[in-house]
């Protein structure tokens, strides 16, 4: 786990804000979700589900373009050990 970084809050208009250090950078105009549990605040970037689905479908299309293997390797059968009372 990373060592904590300390910073201070400041007023921005009527809101209290915190500046994220460079190591915690989130690009500008990215939508985030904030969750508070006790004195812990979690910031999580949100992903566009439509863009995520398109990226997955594009990846599947690229995988389908790969050549099929000439043969499939056969595995030795796996025997499960006898485990009474389980």
Protein backbone atom coordinates (compact mmCIF):
# COMPACT_ATOMS: atom_id res chain seq x y z
CA UNK A 1 0.00 0.00 0.00
CA UNK A 2 1.17 3.53 -0.76
CA UNK A 3 2.16 5.90 2.00
CA UNK A 4 -0.50 8.55 2.67
CA UNK A 5 -0.03 12.00 1.17
CA UNK A 6 -1.11 14.99 3.25
CA UNK A 7 -2.82 18.08 1.84
CA UNK A 8 -5.28 20.72 3.09
CA UNK A 9 -8.78 21.64 2.06
CA UNK A 10 -9.59 25.13 0.73
CA UNK A 11 -12.67 27.15 -0.14
CA UNK A 12 -13.75 27.28 -3.78
CA UNK A 13 -16.84 29.45 -4.02
CA UNK A 14 -19.34 28.03 -1.51
CA UNK A 15 -17.71 24.58 -1.55
CA UNK A 16 -14.77 23.08 0.26
CA UNK A 17 -12.26 21.54 -2.16
CA UNK A 18 -9.07 19.52 -2.03
CA UNK A 19 -6.30 19.62 -4.61
CA UNK A 20 -5.13 16.16 -5.73
CA UNK A 21 -1.34 15.80 -5.88
CA UNK A 22 0.21 14.91 -9.24
CA UNK A 23 0.52 11.24 -8.29
CA UNK A 24 -3.26 11.04 -7.85
CA UNK A 25 -4.07 12.83 -11.10
CA UNK A 26 -7.48 12.39 -12.69
CA UNK A 27 -7.91 14.00 -16.13
CA UNK A 28 -10.07 17.11 -16.33
CA UNK A 29 -13.81 16.72 -17.03
CA UNK A 30 -13.92 13.08 -15.87
CA UNK A 31 -17.07 12.17 -13.95
CA UNK A 32 -16.36 10.72 -10.50
CA UNK A 33 -18.43 9.16 -7.72
CA UNK A 34 -17.84 10.19 -4.11
CA UNK A 35 -18.64 7.87 -1.21
CA UNK A 36 -18.33 8.74 2.45
CA UNK A 37 -18.06 6.20 5.25
CA UNK A 38 -17.31 7.75 8.61
CA UNK A 39 -14.30 10.00 8.09
CA UNK A 40 -13.19 8.20 4.89
CA UNK A 41 -14.02 9.69 1.50
CA UNK A 42 -13.54 7.53 -1.58
CA UNK A 43 -13.25 9.03 -5.08
CA UNK A 44 -13.92 6.63 -7.94
CA UNK A 45 -13.87 7.48 -11.65
CA UNK A 46 -17.02 6.51 -13.53
CA UNK A 47 -16.91 4.78 -16.85
CA UNK A 48 -19.37 5.25 -19.69
CA UNK A 49 -21.13 1.86 -20.05
CA UNK A 50 -21.78 2.42 -23.77
CA UNK A 51 -18.09 3.15 -24.42
CA UNK A 52 -17.05 0.15 -22.29
CA UNK A 53 -19.37 -2.17 -24.24
CA UNK A 54 -18.06 -0.83 -27.56
CA UNK A 55 -14.45 -1.37 -26.45
CA UNK A 56 -15.25 -4.98 -25.46
CA UNK A 57 -17.04 -5.67 -28.74
CA UNK A 58 -14.12 -4.17 -30.69
CA UNK A 59 -11.71 -6.40 -28.76
CA UNK A 60 -13.84 -9.47 -29.55
CA UNK A 61 -13.82 -8.55 -33.24
CA UNK A 62 -10.02 -8.33 -33.15
CA UNK A 63 -9.78 -11.71 -31.41
CA UNK A 64 -12.05 -13.30 -34.02
CA UNK A 65 -9.63 -12.09 -36.74
CA UNK A 66 -6.78 -14.14 -35.24
CA UNK A 67 -5.99 -17.41 -37.05
CA UNK A 68 -7.36 -20.59 -35.51
CA UNK A 69 -4.77 -23.01 -34.06
CA UNK A 70 -4.07 -26.07 -36.25
CA UNK A 71 -4.56 -28.48 -33.36
CA UNK A 72 -5.78 -28.42 -29.79
CA UNK A 73 -3.44 -29.76 -27.14
CA UNK A 74 -4.90 -32.67 -25.17
CA UNK A 75 -4.50 -32.73 -21.41
CA UNK A 76 -3.99 -35.72 -19.18
CA UNK A 77 -7.16 -36.51 -17.24
CA UNK A 78 -7.26 -35.07 -13.75
CA UNK A 79 -8.30 -37.40 -10.98
CA UNK A 80 -9.89 -35.90 -7.90
CA UNK A 81 -8.63 -37.38 -4.64
CA UNK A 82 -11.11 -39.24 -2.45
CA UNK A 83 -11.99 -36.96 0.48
CA UNK A 84 -14.46 -38.67 2.77
CA UNK A 85 -16.79 -36.57 4.92
CA UNK A 86 -16.56 -33.54 2.65
